[in-house]
């Protein structure tokens, strides 16, 4: 009997000892701090461009593209759940400084910067699983992005961040003189309308038309080498660009040209150069300036 009582006492002692050694999960929130110091870009003009980083502090008083900055924090679960979202506009207090508090664990921090028109939304299209994307309502502006996987411990995080350009730029240079009576020039091409915030890719199944019209004023009549610029995320496959010009009737173009097999690349200018108004001249040349620098001419 004494042996049985002794055995029970030992078992109870081991049981309570195990309970004492079990640690409760750390639910305390620890600070994570990011300082978005600038974004990677290049100098212009083409041919003289060298990589550099522009500071956000400078932007508070100038016209450098990042006028809105959004910080997103995602869980690393299968749903990539959005945990935090903070947006700043250029000139506001704390622009570029992000402070958050989270429990220890693994996360994905995402930063995106662009013009004031940049919007962030959650959608189930085309994937039934909810995901977060960002886009512009009226076509892309120059846009910068960075995704950083982080592991938060009791030490917290203090990190500097520099964003990278994700857009390409399409320049249309109309070499011949704009004739009297021209009221507007329309340009359209297929484009990715949304950018997935978690995987850092354009949404291939969310394709629409990047279409816009430029009004021609009396001061523009007679100009040569008239240039129209547009940012795009269509940097995956070649596409066609449709260019039309109009007179008094806004629904009936006086002439339309289709430039085929145009290629755009991230952080690269693609220039389409040719005649739009001259009868019988159907050629447009395509020049790709990789990293805003070395020109490559492609005939078609």
C-alpha atoms as a PDB file:
ATOM      1  CA  UNK A   1       0.000   0.000   0.000  1.00  0.00           C
ATOM      2  CA  UNK A   2       2.841   2.354   0.934  1.00  0.00           C
ATOM      3  CA  UNK A   3       4.487   1.637  -2.412  1.00  0.00           C
ATOM      4  CA  UNK A   4       1.283   2.561  -4.249  1.00  0.00           C
ATOM      5  CA  UNK A   5       0.939   5.844  -2.333  1.00  0.00           C
ATOM      6  CA  UNK A   6       4.578   6.672  -3.059  1.00  0.00           C
ATOM      7  CA  UNK A   7       4.078   5.934  -6.764  1.00  0.00           C
ATOM      8  CA  UNK A   8       0.986   8.186  -6.894  1.00  0.00           C
ATOM      9  CA  UNK A   9       2.892  10.987  -5.188  1.00  0.00           C
ATOM     10  CA  UNK A  10       5.716  10.719  -7.715  1.00  0.00           C
ATOM     11  CA  UNK A  11       3.260  10.815 -10.632  1.00  0.00           C
ATOM     12  CA  UNK A  12       1.491  13.889  -9.215  1.00  0.00           C
ATOM     13  CA  UNK A  13       4.846  15.592  -8.656  1.00  0.00           C
ATOM     14  CA  UNK A  14       5.882  14.939 -12.286  1.00  0.00           C
ATOM     15  CA  UNK A  15       2.483  16.152 -13.537  1.00  0.00           C
ATOM     16  CA  UNK A  16       2.654  19.458 -11.642  1.00  0.00           C
ATOM     17  CA  UNK A  17       6.303  19.869 -12.664  1.00  0.00           C
ATOM     18  CA  UNK A  18       5.344  19.525 -16.337  1.00  0.00           C
ATOM     19  CA  UNK A  19       2.572  22.057 -15.932  1.00  0.00           C
ATOM     20  CA  UNK A  20       4.979  24.555 -14.414  1.00  0.00           C
ATOM     21  CA  UNK A  21       7.436  24.139 -17.316  1.00  0.00           C
ATOM     22  CA  UNK A  22       4.800  24.762 -20.021  1.00  0.00           C
ATOM     23  CA  UNK A  23       5.151  28.312 -21.407  1.00  0.00           C
ATOM     24  CA  UNK A  24       2.186  30.342 -22.469  1.00  0.00           C
ATOM     25  CA  UNK A  25       2.416  31.880 -25.967  1.00  0.00           C
ATOM     26  CA  UNK A  26       3.816  35.418 -26.055  1.00  0.00           C
ATOM     27  CA  UNK A  27       0.856  37.645 -26.851  1.00  0.00           C
ATOM     28  CA  UNK A  28       2.649  40.897 -26.098  1.00  0.00           C
ATOM     29  CA  UNK A  29       2.801  43.351 -28.983  1.00  0.00           C
ATOM     30  CA  UNK A  30       6.234  44.553 -30.086  1.00  0.00           C
ATOM     31  CA  UNK A  31       6.999  47.665 -32.137  1.00  0.00           C
ATOM     32  CA  UNK A  32       7.992  47.436 -35.788  1.00  0.00           C
ATOM     33  CA  UNK A  33       9.291  50.622 -37.384  1.00  0.00           C
ATOM     34  CA  UNK A  34      10.047  51.340 -41.021  1.00  0.00           C
ATOM     35  CA  UNK A  35      11.585  54.432 -42.550  1.00  0.00           C
ATOM     36  CA  UNK A  36      10.894  54.717 -46.277  1.00  0.00           C
ATOM     37  CA  UNK A  37      13.960  56.720 -47.226  1.00  0.00           C
ATOM     38  CA  UNK A  38      13.307  57.013 -50.946  1.00  0.00           C
ATOM     39  CA  UNK A  39      12.767  55.130 -54.159  1.00  0.00           C
ATOM     40  CA  UNK A  40      14.972  53.836 -56.955  1.00  0.00           C
ATOM     41  CA  UNK A  41      14.700  55.753 -60.191  1.00  0.00           C
ATOM     42  CA  UNK A  42      16.919  57.088 -62.961  1.00  0.00           C
ATOM     43  CA  UNK A  43      17.923  60.408 -64.350  1.00  0.00           C
ATOM     44  CA  UNK A  44      16.572  61.805 -67.586  1.00  0.00           C
ATOM     45  CA  UNK A  45      17.374  62.491 -70.448  1.00  0.00           C
ATOM     46  CA  UNK A  46      17.633  59.095 -72.101  1.00  0.00           C
ATOM     47  CA  UNK A  47      21.188  58.062 -72.764  1.00  0.00           C
ATOM     48  CA  UNK A  48      22.527  59.918 -69.723  1.00  0.00           C
ATOM     49  CA  UNK A  49      20.521  58.052 -67.093  1.00  0.00           C
ATOM     50  CA  UNK A  50      22.267  56.595 -64.065  1.00  0.00           C
ATOM     51  CA  UNK A  51      20.603  54.813 -61.186  1.00  0.00           C
ATOM     52  CA  UNK A  52      20.066  56.850 -58.059  1.00  0.00           C
ATOM     53  CA  UNK A  53      17.821  57.052 -55.024  1.00  0.00           C
ATOM     54  CA  UNK A  54      15.589  60.042 -54.416  1.00  0.00           C
ATOM     55  CA  UNK A  55      14.809  60.928 -50.812  1.00  0.00           C
ATOM     56  CA  UNK A  56      11.236  61.266 -49.628  1.00  0.00           C
ATOM     57  CA  UNK A  57      12.276  64.271 -47.558  1.00  0.00           C
ATOM     58  CA  UNK A  58      12.968  66.147 -50.785  1.00  0.00           C
ATOM     59  CA  UNK A  59       9.544  65.296 -52.130  1.00  0.00           C
ATOM     60  CA  UNK A  60       7.711  67.237 -49.455  1.00  0.00           C
ATOM     61  CA  UNK A  61       8.288  70.391 -51.516  1.00  0.00           C
ATOM     62  CA  UNK A  62       8.750  69.193 -55.086  1.00  0.00           C
ATOM     63  CA  UNK A  63       7.004  67.177 -57.818  1.00  0.00           C
ATOM     64  CA  UNK A  64       8.823  63.818 -57.637  1.00  0.00           C
ATOM     65  CA  UNK A  65       6.191  61.106 -58.293  1.00  0.00           C
ATOM     66  CA  UNK A  66       5.495  59.568 -54.873  1.00  0.00           C
ATOM     67  CA  UNK A  67       2.662  61.692 -53.500  1.00  0.00           C
ATOM     68  CA  UNK A  68       0.918  58.864 -51.655  1.00  0.00           C
ATOM     69  CA  UNK A  69       2.532  56.056 -49.671  1.00  0.00           C
ATOM     70  CA  UNK A  70       0.682  52.964 -48.408  1.00  0.00           C
ATOM     71  CA  UNK A  71       1.946  50.381 -45.923  1.00  0.00           C
ATOM     72  CA  UNK A  72       0.290  46.951 -45.711  1.00  0.00           C
ATOM     73  CA  UNK A  73       1.055  44.145 -43.265  1.00  0.00           C
ATOM     74  CA  UNK A  74      -0.057  40.599 -44.076  1.00  0.00           C
ATOM     75  CA  UNK A  75      -0.100  37.371 -42.110  1.00  0.00           C
ATOM     76  CA  UNK A  76       1.769  34.485 -43.719  1.00  0.00           C
ATOM     77  CA  UNK A  77      -1.238  32.143 -43.467  1.00  0.00           C
ATOM     78  CA  UNK A  78      -2.809  30.541 -46.517  1.00  0.00           C
ATOM     79  CA  UNK A  79      -5.252  33.445 -46.808  1.00  0.00           C
ATOM     80  CA  UNK A  80      -2.544  36.134 -46.611  1.00  0.00           C
ATOM     81  CA  UNK A  81      -4.847  38.008 -44.242  1.00  0.00           C
ATOM     82  CA  UNK A  82      -4.463  41.797 -44.214  1.00  0.00           C
ATOM     83  CA  UNK A  83      -3.622  42.875 -40.643  1.00  0.00           C
ATOM     84  CA  UNK A  84      -2.701  46.565 -40.994  1.00  0.00           C
ATOM     85  CA  UNK A  85      -3.081  49.316 -43.574  1.00  0.00           C
ATOM     86  CA  UNK A  86      -1.684  52.832 -43.210  1.00  0.00           C
ATOM     87  CA  UNK A  87      -1.612  55.524 -45.906  1.00  0.00           C
ATOM     88  CA  UNK A  88       0.162  58.877 -45.976  1.00  0.00           C
ATOM     89  CA  UNK A  89      -0.093  61.757 -48.411  1.00  0.00           C
ATOM     90  CA  UNK A  90       2.806  63.944 -49.423  1.00  0.00           C
ATOM     91  CA  UNK A  91       3.440  66.770 -46.978  1.00  0.00           C
ATOM     92  CA  UNK A  92       1.574  65.164 -44.065  1.00  0.00           C
ATOM     93  CA  UNK A  93       3.224  64.671 -40.670  1.00  0.00           C
ATOM     94  CA  UNK A  94       5.187  61.425 -40.514  1.00  0.00           C
ATOM     95  CA  UNK A  95       5.234  60.906 -44.268  1.00  0.00           C
ATOM     96  CA  UNK A  96       7.549  57.955 -44.876  1.00  0.00           C
ATOM     97  CA  UNK A  97       7.709  56.813 -41.227  1.00  0.00           C
ATOM     98  CA  UNK A  98       5.606  53.762 -40.349  1.00  0.00           C
ATOM     99  CA  UNK A  99       5.090  52.501 -36.793  1.00  0.00           C
ATOM    100  CA  UNK A 100       3.070  49.399 -35.983  1.00  0.00           C
ATOM    101  CA  UNK A 101       2.753  46.842 -33.152  1.00  0.00           C
ATOM    102  CA  UNK A 102       2.347  43.098 -33.645  1.00  0.00           C
ATOM    103  CA  UNK A 103       2.792  39.829 -31.775  1.00  0.00           C
ATOM    104  CA  UNK A 104       5.934  37.754 -32.423  1.00  0.00           C
ATOM    105  CA  UNK A 105       5.788  35.787 -35.662  1.00  0.00           C
ATOM    106  CA  UNK A 106       6.283  35.892 -39.421  1.00  0.00           C
ATOM    107  CA  UNK A 107       4.708  38.596 -41.565  1.00  0.00           C
ATOM    108  CA  UNK A 108       4.890  40.184 -45.006  1.00  0.00           C
ATOM    109  CA  UNK A 109       5.360  43.972 -45.080  1.00  0.00           C
ATOM    110  CA  UNK A 110       4.387  45.694 -48.339  1.00  0.00           C
ATOM    111  CA  UNK A 111       5.005  49.301 -49.357  1.00  0.00           C
ATOM    112  CA  UNK A 112       3.624  50.989 -52.459  1.00  0.00           C
ATOM    113  CA  UNK A 113       3.991  54.598 -53.559  1.00  0.00           C
ATOM    114  CA  UNK A 114       2.534  56.592 -56.394  1.00  0.00           C
ATOM    115  CA  UNK A 115       0.319  59.552 -57.182  1.00  0.00           C
ATOM    116  CA  UNK A 116      -2.634  60.650 -55.067  1.00  0.00           C
ATOM    117  CA  UNK A 117      -4.913  58.595 -57.366  1.00  0.00           C
ATOM    118  CA  UNK A 118      -3.447  55.268 -56.221  1.00  0.00           C
ATOM    119  CA  UNK A 119      -6.070  53.072 -54.549  1.00  0.00           C
ATOM    120  CA  UNK A 120      -5.817  49.869 -52.510  1.00  0.00           C
ATOM    121  CA  UNK A 121      -8.701  47.399 -52.461  1.00  0.00           C
ATOM    122  CA  UNK A 122      -9.604  43.837 -51.533  1.00  0.00           C
ATOM    123  CA  UNK A 123     -11.174  41.637 -54.162  1.00  0.00           C
ATOM    124  CA  UNK A 124     -12.140  38.043 -54.937  1.00  0.00           C
ATOM    125  CA  UNK A 125     -11.768  38.555 -58.694  1.00  0.00           C
ATOM    126  CA  UNK A 126     -10.618  36.487 -60.488  1.00  0.00           C
ATOM    127  CA  UNK A 127      -9.528  34.200 -57.632  1.00  0.00           C
ATOM    128  CA  UNK A 128     -12.295  33.251 -55.151  1.00  0.00           C
ATOM    129  CA  UNK A 129      -9.720  33.652 -52.363  1.00  0.00           C
ATOM    130  CA  UNK A 130      -9.733  37.285 -51.143  1.00  0.00           C
ATOM    131  CA  UNK A 131      -6.582  39.176 -51.999  1.00  0.00           C
ATOM    132  CA  UNK A 132      -5.356  42.763 -51.863  1.00  0.00           C
ATOM    133  CA  UNK A 133      -4.396  44.755 -54.941  1.00  0.00           C
ATOM    134  CA  UNK A 134      -3.759  48.348 -55.903  1.00  0.00           C
ATOM    135  CA  UNK A 135      -4.445  50.287 -59.073  1.00  0.00           C
ATOM    136  CA  UNK A 136      -5.491  53.649 -60.538  1.00  0.00           C
ATOM    137  CA  UNK A 137      -8.946  54.506 -61.761  1.00  0.00           C
ATOM    138  CA  UNK A 138      -7.812  56.321 -64.897  1.00  0.00           C
ATOM    139  CA  UNK A 139      -4.639  54.520 -65.984  1.00  0.00           C
ATOM    140  CA  UNK A 140      -1.291  53.989 -64.290  1.00  0.00           C
ATOM    141  CA  UNK A 141       0.908  56.719 -62.866  1.00  0.00           C
ATOM    142  CA  UNK A 142       4.574  56.176 -62.013  1.00  0.00           C
ATOM    143  CA  UNK A 143       4.478  53.556 -59.234  1.00  0.00           C
ATOM    144  CA  UNK A 144       7.010  52.132 -56.763  1.00  0.00           C
ATOM    145  CA  UNK A 145       6.791  48.978 -54.651  1.00  0.00           C
ATOM    146  CA  UNK A 146       8.607  46.745 -52.181  1.00  0.00           C
ATOM    147  CA  UNK A 147       7.652  43.519 -50.376  1.00  0.00           C
ATOM    148  CA  UNK A 148       9.696  42.382 -47.359  1.00  0.00           C
ATOM    149  CA  UNK A 149       9.146  39.160 -45.371  1.00  0.00           C
ATOM    150  CA  UNK A 150       9.880  39.876 -41.698  1.00  0.00           C
ATOM    151  CA  UNK A 151      10.188  37.869 -38.481  1.00  0.00           C
ATOM    152  CA  UNK A 152       9.174  39.796 -35.371  1.00  0.00           C
ATOM    153  CA  UNK A 153      10.753  38.916 -32.005  1.00  0.00           C
ATOM    154  CA  UNK A 154      10.857  40.632 -28.632  1.00  0.00           C
ATOM    155  CA  UNK A 155      13.540  42.922 -30.089  1.00  0.00           C
ATOM    156  CA  UNK A 156      11.065  44.448 -32.536  1.00  0.00           C
ATOM    157  CA  UNK A 157      12.169  45.761 -35.932  1.00  0.00           C
ATOM    158  CA  UNK A 158      13.774  48.996 -37.144  1.00  0.00           C
ATOM    159  CA  UNK A 159      14.369  48.966 -40.876  1.00  0.00           C
ATOM    160  CA  UNK A 160      15.036  51.359 -43.733  1.00  0.00           C
ATOM    161  CA  UNK A 161      13.156  50.752 -46.989  1.00  0.00           C
ATOM    162  CA  UNK A 162      13.797  51.934 -50.551  1.00  0.00           C
ATOM    163  CA  UNK A 163      11.075  51.296 -53.123  1.00  0.00           C
ATOM    164  CA  UNK A 164      11.618  50.069 -56.697  1.00  0.00           C
ATOM    165  CA  UNK A 165       9.809  51.277 -59.809  1.00  0.00           C
ATOM    166  CA  UNK A 166       7.402  48.647 -61.182  1.00  0.00           C
ATOM    167  CA  UNK A 167       5.953  50.601 -64.095  1.00  0.00           C
ATOM    168  CA  UNK A 168       7.127  50.963 -67.679  1.00  0.00           C
ATOM    169  CA  UNK A 169       6.649  54.130 -69.750  1.00  0.00           C
ATOM    170  CA  UNK A 170       5.290  54.369 -73.264  1.00  0.00           C
ATOM    171  CA  UNK A 171       6.177  57.518 -75.245  1.00  0.00           C
ATOM    172  CA  UNK A 172       4.424  58.255 -78.543  1.00  0.00           C
ATOM    173  CA  UNK A 173       6.336  60.758 -80.697  1.00  0.00           C
ATOM    174  CA  UNK A 174       4.360  62.069 -83.694  1.00  0.00           C
ATOM    175  CA  UNK A 175       6.973  63.407 -86.094  1.00  0.00           C
ATOM    176  CA  UNK A 176       4.827  65.162 -88.707  1.00  0.00           C
ATOM    177  CA  UNK A 177       3.162  68.525 -88.083  1.00  0.00           C
ATOM    178  CA  UNK A 178      -0.293  68.565 -86.462  1.00  0.00           C
ATOM    179  CA  UNK A 179      -2.691  69.861 -89.151  1.00  0.00           C
ATOM    180  CA  UNK A 180      -5.280  72.599 -88.724  1.00  0.00           C
ATOM    181  CA  UNK A 181      -8.634  71.242 -87.556  1.00  0.00           C
ATOM    182  CA  UNK A 182      -7.209  68.520 -85.297  1.00  0.00           C
ATOM    183  CA  UNK A 183      -9.084  68.517 -81.973  1.00  0.00           C
ATOM    184  CA  UNK A 184      -7.679  65.501 -80.143  1.00  0.00           C
ATOM    185  CA  UNK A 185      -5.434  62.447 -80.410  1.00  0.00           C
ATOM    186  CA  UNK A 186      -6.574  59.138 -78.910  1.00  0.00           C
ATOM    187  CA  UNK A 187      -4.290  56.287 -77.821  1.00  0.00           C
ATOM    188  CA  UNK A 188      -5.333  52.878 -76.503  1.00  0.00           C
ATOM    189  CA  UNK A 189      -3.699  49.530 -75.699  1.00  0.00           C
ATOM    190  CA  UNK A 190      -4.384  46.512 -73.452  1.00  0.00           C
ATOM    191  CA  UNK A 191      -3.056  46.822 -69.920  1.00  0.00           C
ATOM    192  CA  UNK A 192      -3.033  45.121 -66.539  1.00  0.00           C
ATOM    193  CA  UNK A 193      -5.428  47.113 -64.368  1.00  0.00           C
ATOM    194  CA  UNK A 194      -4.442  45.714 -60.964  1.00  0.00           C
ATOM    195  CA  UNK A 195      -1.259  44.749 -59.125  1.00  0.00           C
ATOM    196  CA  UNK A 196      -1.333  41.997 -56.489  1.00  0.00           C
ATOM    197  CA  UNK A 197       0.152  43.451 -53.312  1.00  0.00           C
ATOM    198  CA  UNK A 198       1.316  40.156 -51.798  1.00  0.00           C
ATOM    199  CA  UNK A 199       3.067  38.469 -54.716  1.00  0.00           C
ATOM    200  CA  UNK A 200       4.267  41.621 -56.475  1.00  0.00           C
ATOM    201  CA  UNK A 201       2.844  40.762 -59.901  1.00  0.00           C
ATOM    202  CA  UNK A 202       0.307  42.256 -62.259  1.00  0.00           C
ATOM    203  CA  UNK A 203      -3.024  40.455 -62.303  1.00  0.00           C
ATOM    204  CA  UNK A 204      -2.985  38.662 -65.653  1.00  0.00           C
ATOM    205  CA  UNK A 205      -6.704  37.930 -65.686  1.00  0.00           C
ATOM    206  CA  UNK A 206      -7.598  41.527 -64.823  1.00  0.00           C
ATOM    207  CA  UNK A 207      -6.818  42.972 -68.252  1.00  0.00           C
ATOM    208  CA  UNK A 208      -8.552  46.036 -69.619  1.00  0.00           C
ATOM    209  CA  UNK A 209      -7.890  48.952 -71.943  1.00  0.00           C
ATOM    210  CA  UNK A 210      -5.536  51.785 -71.120  1.00  0.00           C
ATOM    211  CA  UNK A 211      -7.248  54.382 -73.262  1.00  0.00           C
ATOM    212  CA  UNK A 212      -6.941  58.141 -73.151  1.00  0.00           C
ATOM    213  CA  UNK A 213      -7.371  61.209 -75.341  1.00  0.00           C
ATOM    214  CA  UNK A 214      -5.183  64.293 -75.510  1.00  0.00           C
ATOM    215  CA  UNK A 215      -6.887  67.572 -76.410  1.00  0.00           C
ATOM    216  CA  UNK A 216      -5.133  69.557 -79.129  1.00  0.00           C
ATOM    217  CA  UNK A 217      -5.148  73.317 -78.620  1.00  0.00           C
ATOM    218  CA  UNK A 218      -4.578  76.059 -81.176  1.00  0.00           C
ATOM    219  CA  UNK A 219      -1.049  76.428 -79.791  1.00  0.00           C
ATOM    220  CA  UNK A 220      -0.363  72.778 -80.717  1.00  0.00           C
ATOM    221  CA  UNK A 221      -1.279  73.171 -84.395  1.00  0.00           C
ATOM    222  CA  UNK A 222       1.811  72.895 -86.600  1.00  0.00           C
ATOM    223  CA  UNK A 223       3.968  71.254 -83.939  1.00  0.00           C
ATOM    224  CA  UNK A 224       6.279  68.411 -84.938  1.00  0.00           C
ATOM    225  CA  UNK A 225       7.585  65.630 -82.681  1.00  0.00           C
ATOM    226  CA  UNK A 226       4.518  66.040 -80.500  1.00  0.00           C
ATOM    227  CA  UNK A 227       4.976  63.607 -77.571  1.00  0.00           C
ATOM    228  CA  UNK A 228       2.348  61.772 -75.514  1.00  0.00           C
ATOM    229  CA  UNK A 229       3.465  59.678 -72.528  1.00  0.00           C
ATOM    230  CA  UNK A 230       1.690  56.937 -70.595  1.00  0.00           C
ATOM    231  CA  UNK A 231       2.719  54.588 -67.766  1.00  0.00           C
ATOM    232  CA  UNK A 232       1.831  50.902 -68.007  1.00  0.00           C
ATOM    233  CA  UNK A 233       2.175  47.541 -66.270  1.00  0.00           C
ATOM    234  CA  UNK A 234       1.810  45.582 -69.503  1.00  0.00           C
ATOM    235  CA  UNK A 235       5.373  44.275 -69.391  1.00  0.00           C
ATOM    236  CA  UNK A 236       4.824  40.579 -70.120  1.00  0.00           C
ATOM    237  CA  UNK A 237       3.764  40.039 -73.750  1.00  0.00           C
ATOM    238  CA  UNK A 238       3.861  42.173 -76.931  1.00  0.00           C
ATOM    239  CA  UNK A 239       0.693  44.186 -77.624  1.00  0.00           C
ATOM    240  CA  UNK A 240      -0.802  46.536 -80.221  1.00  0.00           C
ATOM    241  CA  UNK A 241      -1.197  50.297 -79.761  1.00  0.00           C
ATOM    242  CA  UNK A 242      -3.997  52.099 -81.601  1.00  0.00           C
ATOM    243  CA  UNK A 243      -3.504  55.803 -82.399  1.00  0.00           C
ATOM    244  CA  UNK A 244      -6.231  58.008 -83.906  1.00  0.00           C
ATOM    245  CA  UNK A 245      -6.714  61.712 -84.498  1.00  0.00           C
ATOM    246  CA  UNK A 246     -10.013  63.582 -84.708  1.00  0.00           C
ATOM    247  CA  UNK A 247     -11.501  66.700 -86.236  1.00  0.00           C
ATOM    248  CA  UNK A 248     -14.808  68.315 -85.266  1.00  0.00           C
ATOM    249  CA  UNK A 249     -16.639  64.972 -84.982  1.00  0.00           C
ATOM    250  CA  UNK A 250     -15.483  63.228 -81.756  1.00  0.00           C
ATOM    251  CA  UNK A 251     -16.902  59.895 -82.924  1.00  0.00           C
ATOM    252  CA  UNK A 252     -15.271  59.718 -86.354  1.00  0.00           C
ATOM    253  CA  UNK A 253     -11.443  59.630 -86.454  1.00  0.00           C
ATOM    254  CA  UNK A 254      -9.823  61.203 -89.498  1.00  0.00           C
ATOM    255  CA  UNK A 255      -7.079  58.569 -89.462  1.00  0.00           C
ATOM    256  CA  UNK A 256      -6.108  55.554 -87.344  1.00  0.00           C
ATOM    257  CA  UNK A 257      -2.848  53.642 -87.152  1.00  0.00           C
ATOM    258  CA  UNK A 258      -2.172  50.392 -85.326  1.00  0.00           C
ATOM    259  CA  UNK A 259       1.392  49.834 -84.108  1.00  0.00           C
ATOM    260  CA  UNK A 260       1.919  46.109 -83.647  1.00  0.00           C
ATOM    261  CA  UNK A 261       4.141  44.039 -81.352  1.00  0.00           C
ATOM    262  CA  UNK A 262       5.025  46.792 -78.908  1.00  0.00           C
ATOM    263  CA  UNK A 263       7.137  45.608 -75.966  1.00  0.00           C
ATOM    264  CA  UNK A 264       7.344  47.387 -72.608  1.00  0.00           C
ATOM    265  CA  UNK A 265       9.619  46.435 -69.707  1.00  0.00           C
ATOM    266  CA  UNK A 266       9.747  47.418 -66.054  1.00  0.00           C
ATOM    267  CA  UNK A 267      11.693  50.639 -65.384  1.00  0.00           C
ATOM    268  CA  UNK A 268      12.127  51.109 -69.132  1.00  0.00           C
ATOM    269  CA  UNK A 269      10.937  53.680 -71.669  1.00  0.00           C
ATOM    270  CA  UNK A 270       9.573  52.413 -74.965  1.00  0.00           C
ATOM    271  CA  UNK A 271       9.329  55.110 -77.647  1.00  0.00           C
ATOM    272  CA  UNK A 272       7.010  54.823 -80.653  1.00  0.00           C
ATOM    273  CA  UNK A 273       8.056  57.307 -83.319  1.00  0.00           C
ATOM    274  CA  UNK A 274       6.426  57.951 -86.681  1.00  0.00           C
ATOM    275  CA  UNK A 275       4.023  59.981 -88.847  1.00  0.00           C
ATOM    276  CA  UNK A 276       0.315  60.050 -88.063  1.00  0.00           C
ATOM    277  CA  UNK A 277      -1.031  62.748 -90.394  1.00  0.00           C
ATOM    278  CA  UNK A 278       1.033  62.226 -93.572  1.00  0.00           C
ATOM    279  CA  UNK A 279      -0.839  60.091 -96.178  1.00  0.00           C
ATOM    280  CA  UNK A 280       0.966  56.982 -97.364  1.00  0.00           C
ATOM    281  CA  UNK A 281       3.492  56.930 -94.533  1.00  0.00           C
ATOM    282  CA  UNK A 282       2.491  53.971 -92.373  1.00  0.00           C
ATOM    283  CA  UNK A 283       5.731  53.294 -90.501  1.00  0.00           C
ATOM    284  CA  UNK A 284       6.326  53.720 -86.773  1.00  0.00           C
ATOM    285  CA  UNK A 285       9.644  52.717 -85.244  1.00  0.00           C
ATOM    286  CA  UNK A 286       9.954  51.221 -81.763  1.00  0.00           C
ATOM    287  CA  UNK A 287      12.872  52.109 -79.509  1.00  0.00           C
ATOM    288  CA  UNK A 288      13.318  50.431 -76.122  1.00  0.00           C
ATOM    289  CA  UNK A 289      15.508  52.181 -73.573  1.00  0.00           C
ATOM    290  CA  UNK A 290      16.438  49.587 -70.969  1.00  0.00           C
ATOM    291  CA  UNK A 291      16.828  51.163 -67.518  1.00  0.00           C
ATOM    292  CA  UNK A 292      16.280  54.554 -69.156  1.00  0.00           C
ATOM    293  CA  UNK A 293      19.637  54.231 -70.813  1.00  0.00           C
ATOM    294  CA  UNK A 294      20.921  52.015 -73.672  1.00  0.00           C
ATOM    295  CA  UNK A 295      18.689  52.274 -76.805  1.00  0.00           C
ATOM    296  CA  UNK A 296      17.683  49.183 -78.767  1.00  0.00           C
ATOM    297  CA  UNK A 297      15.870  49.760 -82.072  1.00  0.00           C
ATOM    298  CA  UNK A 298      13.376  47.130 -83.209  1.00  0.00           C
ATOM    299  CA  UNK A 299      11.875  47.220 -86.715  1.00  0.00           C
ATOM    300  CA  UNK A 300       8.472  45.829 -87.654  1.00  0.00           C
END
